[in-house]
Amino acid sequence: MDSGTTLAFIISCFCFAGVVVLSRNSIRQPLRRYLATAAIVMVTISFLIMLYLIFTGQFM
C-alpha cells in the first residue's frame, strides 16, 4: 500500500466524521442519518486499515 495515499484517506475520513459531528445541528434530519452512517463506515474502514498496517509492519 502506498503510505501517502493511505494516510490521506485516513485523515480525510476522520475529518469528514468531525465535520458531520460539529455541524449536526445545521444538517437536515434525513440527510444527517445518511451522513452519519457514511462517517461511521469510513472511520471503521480507516481504523481497520490502520490495524492491518500496524500488524503487518508497514505502518509508516
PDB file of N, CA and C in Angstrom:
ATOM      1  N   MET A   1       0.835  -1.182   0.000  1.00  0.00           N
ATOM      2  CA  MET A   1       0.000   0.000   0.000  1.00  0.00           C
ATOM      3  C   MET A   1       0.875   1.238   0.000  1.00  0.00           C
ATOM      4  N   ASP A   2       0.440   2.213  -0.741  1.00  0.00           N
ATOM      5  CA  ASP A   2       1.147   3.485  -0.767  1.00  0.00           C
ATOM      6  C   ASP A   2       0.833   4.238   0.517  1.00  0.00           C
ATOM      7  N   SER A   3       1.857   4.574   1.257  1.00  0.00           N
ATOM      8  CA  SER A   3       1.633   5.173   2.577  1.00  0.00           C
ATOM      9  C   SER A   3       1.035   6.577   2.482  1.00  0.00           C
ATOM     10  N   GLY A   4       1.380   7.326   1.452  1.00  0.00           N
ATOM     11  CA  GLY A   4       0.836   8.669   1.310  1.00  0.00           C
ATOM     12  C   GLY A   4      -0.659   8.655   1.030  1.00  0.00           C
ATOM     13  N   THR A   5      -1.076   7.764   0.156  1.00  0.00           N
ATOM     14  CA  THR A   5      -2.495   7.646  -0.162  1.00  0.00           C
ATOM     15  C   THR A   5      -3.286   7.130   1.024  1.00  0.00           C
ATOM     16  N   THR A   6      -2.733   6.164   1.718  1.00  0.00           N
ATOM     17  CA  THR A   6      -3.400   5.605   2.888  1.00  0.00           C
ATOM     18  C   THR A   6      -3.546   6.652   3.982  1.00  0.00           C
ATOM     19  N   LEU A   7      -2.496   7.407   4.209  1.00  0.00           N
ATOM     20  CA  LEU A   7      -2.544   8.453   5.227  1.00  0.00           C
ATOM     21  C   LEU A   7      -3.559   9.537   4.858  1.00  0.00           C
ATOM     22  N   ALA A   8      -3.622   9.909   3.587  1.00  0.00           N
ATOM     23  CA  ALA A   8      -4.597  10.904   3.141  1.00  0.00           C
ATOM     24  C   ALA A   8      -6.023  10.392   3.320  1.00  0.00           C
ATOM     25  N   PHE A   9      -6.249   9.108   3.044  1.00  0.00           N
ATOM     26  CA  PHE A   9      -7.581   8.529   3.220  1.00  0.00           C
ATOM     27  C   PHE A   9      -7.982   8.522   4.694  1.00  0.00           C
ATOM     28  N   ILE A  10      -7.067   8.133   5.559  1.00  0.00           N
ATOM     29  CA  ILE A  10      -7.368   8.070   6.992  1.00  0.00           C
ATOM     30  C   ILE A  10      -7.660   9.465   7.545  1.00  0.00           C
ATOM     31  N   ILE A  11      -6.854  10.441   7.165  1.00  0.00           N
ATOM     32  CA  ILE A  11      -7.076  11.807   7.646  1.00  0.00           C
ATOM     33  C   ILE A  11      -8.394  12.357   7.129  1.00  0.00           C
ATOM     34  N   SER A  12      -8.696  12.102   5.847  1.00  0.00           N
ATOM     35  CA  SER A  12      -9.947  12.620   5.289  1.00  0.00           C
ATOM     36  C   SER A  12     -11.164  11.958   5.921  1.00  0.00           C
ATOM     37  N   CYS A  13     -11.072  10.686   6.278  1.00  0.00           N
ATOM     38  CA  CYS A  13     -12.189  10.005   6.944  1.00  0.00           C
ATOM     39  C   CYS A  13     -12.476  10.617   8.306  1.00  0.00           C
ATOM     40  N   PHE A  14     -11.429  10.832   9.083  1.00  0.00           N
ATOM     41  CA  PHE A  14     -11.631  11.406  10.403  1.00  0.00           C
ATOM     42  C   PHE A  14     -12.082  12.860  10.321  1.00  0.00           C
ATOM     43  N   CYS A  15     -11.598  13.607   9.337  1.00  0.00           N
ATOM     44  CA  CYS A  15     -12.055  14.991   9.162  1.00  0.00           C
ATOM     45  C   CYS A  15     -13.517  15.040   8.750  1.00  0.00           C
ATOM     46  N   PHE A  16     -13.923  14.140   7.852  1.00  0.00           N
ATOM     47  CA  PHE A  16     -15.324  14.082   7.439  1.00  0.00           C
ATOM     48  C   PHE A  16     -16.224  13.769   8.625  1.00  0.00           C
ATOM     49  N   ALA A  17     -15.812  12.817   9.451  1.00  0.00           N
ATOM     50  CA  ALA A  17     -16.600  12.489  10.638  1.00  0.00           C
ATOM     51  C   ALA A  17     -16.659  13.673  11.597  1.00  0.00           C
ATOM     52  N   GLY A  18     -15.570  14.394  11.741  1.00  0.00           N
ATOM     53  CA  GLY A  18     -15.568  15.569  12.602  1.00  0.00           C
ATOM     54  C   GLY A  18     -16.482  16.670  12.095  1.00  0.00           C
ATOM     55  N   VAL A  19     -16.503  16.881  10.796  1.00  0.00           N
ATOM     56  CA  VAL A  19     -17.382  17.889  10.218  1.00  0.00           C
ATOM     57  C   VAL A  19     -18.843  17.503  10.412  1.00  0.00           C
ATOM     58  N   VAL A  20     -19.153  16.227  10.227  1.00  0.00           N
ATOM     59  CA  VAL A  20     -20.535  15.766  10.423  1.00  0.00           C
ATOM     60  C   VAL A  20     -20.960  15.963  11.875  1.00  0.00           C
ATOM     61  N   VAL A  21     -20.084  15.657  12.808  1.00  0.00           N
ATOM     62  CA  VAL A  21     -20.427  15.811  14.224  1.00  0.00           C
ATOM     63  C   VAL A  21     -20.574  17.282  14.602  1.00  0.00           C
ATOM     64  N   LEU A  22     -19.668  18.121  14.133  1.00  0.00           N
ATOM     65  CA  LEU A  22     -19.707  19.532  14.514  1.00  0.00           C
ATOM     66  C   LEU A  22     -20.854  20.311  13.863  1.00  0.00           C
ATOM     67  N   SER A  23     -21.313  19.856  12.695  1.00  0.00           N
ATOM     68  CA  SER A  23     -22.395  20.577  12.015  1.00  0.00           C
ATOM     69  C   SER A  23     -23.706  19.811  12.052  1.00  0.00           C
ATOM     70  N   ARG A  24     -23.896  18.996  13.057  1.00  0.00           N
ATOM     71  CA  ARG A  24     -25.093  18.164  13.121  1.00  0.00           C
ATOM     72  C   ARG A  24     -26.378  18.970  13.306  1.00  0.00           C
ATOM     73  N   ASN A  25     -26.296  20.157  13.879  1.00  0.00           N
ATOM     74  CA  ASN A  25     -27.497  20.966  14.081  1.00  0.00           C
ATOM     75  C   ASN A  25     -27.956  21.672  12.816  1.00  0.00           C
ATOM     76  N   SER A  26     -27.061  21.899  11.879  1.00  0.00           N
ATOM     77  CA  SER A  26     -27.424  22.618  10.666  1.00  0.00           C
ATOM     78  C   SER A  26     -27.756  21.693   9.496  1.00  0.00           C
ATOM     79  N   ILE A  27     -27.628  20.388   9.672  1.00  0.00           N
ATOM     80  CA  ILE A  27     -27.944  19.419   8.617  1.00  0.00           C
ATOM     81  C   ILE A  27     -29.363  18.917   8.835  1.00  0.00           C
ATOM     82  N   ARG A  28     -30.125  18.820   7.742  1.00  0.00           N
ATOM     83  CA  ARG A  28     -31.499  18.322   7.854  1.00  0.00           C
ATOM     84  C   ARG A  28     -31.499  16.864   8.309  1.00  0.00           C
ATOM     85  N   GLN A  29     -32.564  16.459   8.973  1.00  0.00           N
ATOM     86  CA  GLN A  29     -32.654  15.137   9.602  1.00  0.00           C
ATOM     87  C   GLN A  29     -32.447  13.972   8.619  1.00  0.00           C
ATOM     88  N   PRO A  30     -33.130  13.912   7.458  1.00  0.00           N
ATOM     89  CA  PRO A  30     -32.920  12.746   6.577  1.00  0.00           C
ATOM     90  C   PRO A  30     -31.485  12.643   6.072  1.00  0.00           C
ATOM     91  N   LEU A  31     -30.888  13.789   5.761  1.00  0.00           N
ATOM     92  CA  LEU A  31     -29.515  13.784   5.275  1.00  0.00           C
ATOM     93  C   LEU A  31     -28.529  13.471   6.394  1.00  0.00           C
ATOM     94  N   ARG A  32     -28.852  13.895   7.594  1.00  0.00           N
ATOM     95  CA  ARG A  32     -27.975  13.674   8.743  1.00  0.00           C
ATOM     96  C   ARG A  32     -27.769  12.184   9.010  1.00  0.00           C
ATOM     97  N   ARG A  33     -28.832  11.408   8.862  1.00  0.00           N
ATOM     98  CA  ARG A  33     -28.728   9.972   9.112  1.00  0.00           C
ATOM     99  C   ARG A  33     -27.793   9.302   8.116  1.00  0.00           C
ATOM    100  N   TYR A  34     -27.916   9.669   6.829  1.00  0.00           N
ATOM    101  CA  TYR A  34     -27.053   9.071   5.806  1.00  0.00           C
ATOM    102  C   TYR A  34     -25.600   9.511   5.958  1.00  0.00           C
ATOM    103  N   LEU A  35     -25.385  10.764   6.300  1.00  0.00           N
ATOM    104  CA  LEU A  35     -24.017  11.239   6.509  1.00  0.00           C
ATOM    105  C   LEU A  35     -23.377  10.595   7.728  1.00  0.00           C
ATOM    106  N   ALA A  36     -24.153  10.416   8.783  1.00  0.00           N
ATOM    107  CA  ALA A  36     -23.617   9.766   9.983  1.00  0.00           C
ATOM    108  C   ALA A  36     -23.270   8.310   9.700  1.00  0.00           C
ATOM    109  N   THR A  37     -24.119   7.632   8.933  1.00  0.00           N
ATOM    110  CA  THR A  37     -23.830   6.238   8.574  1.00  0.00           C
ATOM    111  C   THR A  37     -22.579   6.148   7.711  1.00  0.00           C
ATOM    112  N   ALA A  38     -22.457   7.054   6.745  1.00  0.00           N
ATOM    113  CA  ALA A  38     -21.260   7.065   5.896  1.00  0.00           C
ATOM    114  C   ALA A  38     -20.010   7.363   6.715  1.00  0.00           C
ATOM    115  N   ALA A  39     -20.115   8.267   7.674  1.00  0.00           N
ATOM    116  CA  ALA A  39     -18.962   8.602   8.515  1.00  0.00           C
ATOM    117  C   ALA A  39     -18.547   7.416   9.380  1.00  0.00           C
ATOM    118  N   ILE A  40     -19.524   6.704   9.928  1.00  0.00           N
ATOM    119  CA  ILE A  40     -19.209   5.528  10.751  1.00  0.00           C
ATOM    120  C   ILE A  40     -18.529   4.455   9.921  1.00  0.00           C
ATOM    121  N   VAL A  41     -19.034   4.224   8.719  1.00  0.00           N
ATOM    122  CA  VAL A  41     -18.438   3.208   7.841  1.00  0.00           C
ATOM    123  C   VAL A  41     -17.016   3.600   7.449  1.00  0.00           C
ATOM    124  N   MET A  42     -16.826   4.858   7.090  1.00  0.00           N
ATOM    125  CA  MET A  42     -15.494   5.306   6.671  1.00  0.00           C
ATOM    126  C   MET A  42     -14.482   5.264   7.815  1.00  0.00           C
ATOM    127  N   VAL A  43     -14.899   5.656   9.005  1.00  0.00           N
ATOM    128  CA  VAL A  43     -13.984   5.618  10.153  1.00  0.00           C
ATOM    129  C   VAL A  43     -13.655   4.172  10.514  1.00  0.00           C
ATOM    130  N   THR A  44     -14.630   3.291  10.421  1.00  0.00           N
ATOM    131  CA  THR A  44     -14.377   1.870  10.693  1.00  0.00           C
ATOM    132  C   THR A  44     -13.389   1.288   9.691  1.00  0.00           C
ATOM    133  N   ILE A  45     -13.567   1.607   8.423  1.00  0.00           N
ATOM    134  CA  ILE A  45     -12.644   1.108   7.401  1.00  0.00           C
ATOM    135  C   ILE A  45     -11.241   1.659   7.620  1.00  0.00           C
ATOM    136  N   SER A  46     -11.131   2.940   7.934  1.00  0.00           N
ATOM    137  CA  SER A  46      -9.800   3.506   8.156  1.00  0.00           C
ATOM    138  C   SER A  46      -9.148   2.937   9.411  1.00  0.00           C
ATOM    139  N   PHE A  47      -9.940   2.651  10.434  1.00  0.00           N
ATOM    140  CA  PHE A  47      -9.389   2.030  11.633  1.00  0.00           C
ATOM    141  C   PHE A  47      -8.891   0.616  11.323  1.00  0.00           C
ATOM    142  N   LEU A  48      -9.648  -0.142  10.527  1.00  0.00           N
ATOM    143  CA  LEU A  48      -9.207  -1.484  10.145  1.00  0.00           C
ATOM    144  C   LEU A  48      -7.955  -1.434   9.279  1.00  0.00           C
ATOM    145  N   ILE A  49      -7.851  -0.441   8.414  1.00  0.00           N
ATOM    146  CA  ILE A  49      -6.637  -0.288   7.610  1.00  0.00           C
ATOM    147  C   ILE A  49      -5.451   0.034   8.511  1.00  0.00           C
ATOM    148  N   MET A  50      -5.657   0.885   9.513  1.00  0.00           N
ATOM    149  CA  MET A  50      -4.564   1.193  10.449  1.00  0.00           C
ATOM    150  C   MET A  50      -4.128  -0.055  11.202  1.00  0.00           C
ATOM    151  N   LEU A  51      -5.083  -0.864  11.659  1.00  0.00           N
ATOM    152  CA  LEU A  51      -4.724  -2.105  12.351  1.00  0.00           C
ATOM    153  C   LEU A  51      -3.970  -3.054  11.430  1.00  0.00           C
ATOM    154  N   TYR A  52      -4.422  -3.167  10.183  1.00  0.00           N
ATOM    155  CA  TYR A  52      -3.742  -4.024   9.224  1.00  0.00           C
ATOM    156  C   TYR A  52      -2.302  -3.577   9.007  1.00  0.00           C
ATOM    157  N   LEU A  53      -2.116  -2.284   8.859  1.00  0.00           N
ATOM    158  CA  LEU A  53      -0.770  -1.767   8.631  1.00  0.00           C
ATOM    159  C   LEU A  53       0.123  -1.939   9.852  1.00  0.00           C
ATOM    160  N   ILE A  54      -0.435  -1.804  11.039  1.00  0.00           N
ATOM    161  CA  ILE A  54       0.358  -1.991  12.257  1.00  0.00           C
ATOM    162  C   ILE A  54       0.779  -3.446  12.408  1.00  0.00           C
ATOM    163  N   PHE A  55      -0.154  -4.368  12.183  1.00  0.00           N
ATOM    164  CA  PHE A  55       0.163  -5.780  12.396  1.00  0.00           C
ATOM    165  C   PHE A  55       1.021  -6.388  11.285  1.00  0.00           C
ATOM    166  N   THR A  56       1.038  -5.781  10.101  1.00  0.00           N
ATOM    167  CA  THR A  56       1.914  -6.279   9.044  1.00  0.00           C
ATOM    168  C   THR A  56       3.248  -5.557   9.028  1.00  0.00           C
ATOM    169  N   GLY A  57       3.413  -4.562   9.879  1.00  0.00           N
ATOM    170  CA  GLY A  57       4.681  -3.863   9.975  1.00  0.00           C
ATOM    171  C   GLY A  57       4.909  -2.837   8.894  1.00  0.00           C
ATOM    172  N   GLN A  58       3.872  -2.407   8.216  1.00  0.00           N
ATOM    173  CA  GLN A  58       4.024  -1.437   7.127  1.00  0.00           C
ATOM    174  C   GLN A  58       3.613  -0.032   7.554  1.00  0.00           C
ATOM    175  N   PHE A  59       3.315   0.149   8.819  1.00  0.00           N
ATOM    176  CA  PHE A  59       2.830   1.443   9.280  1.00  0.00           C
ATOM    177  C   PHE A  59       3.970   2.424   9.352  1.00  0.00           C
ATOM    178  N   MET A  60       3.951   3.399   8.515  1.00  0.00           N
ATOM    179  CA  MET A  60       4.921   4.485   8.378  1.00  0.00           C
ATOM    180  C   MET A  60       6.264   4.011   8.823  1.00  0.00           C
TER     181      MET A  60
END
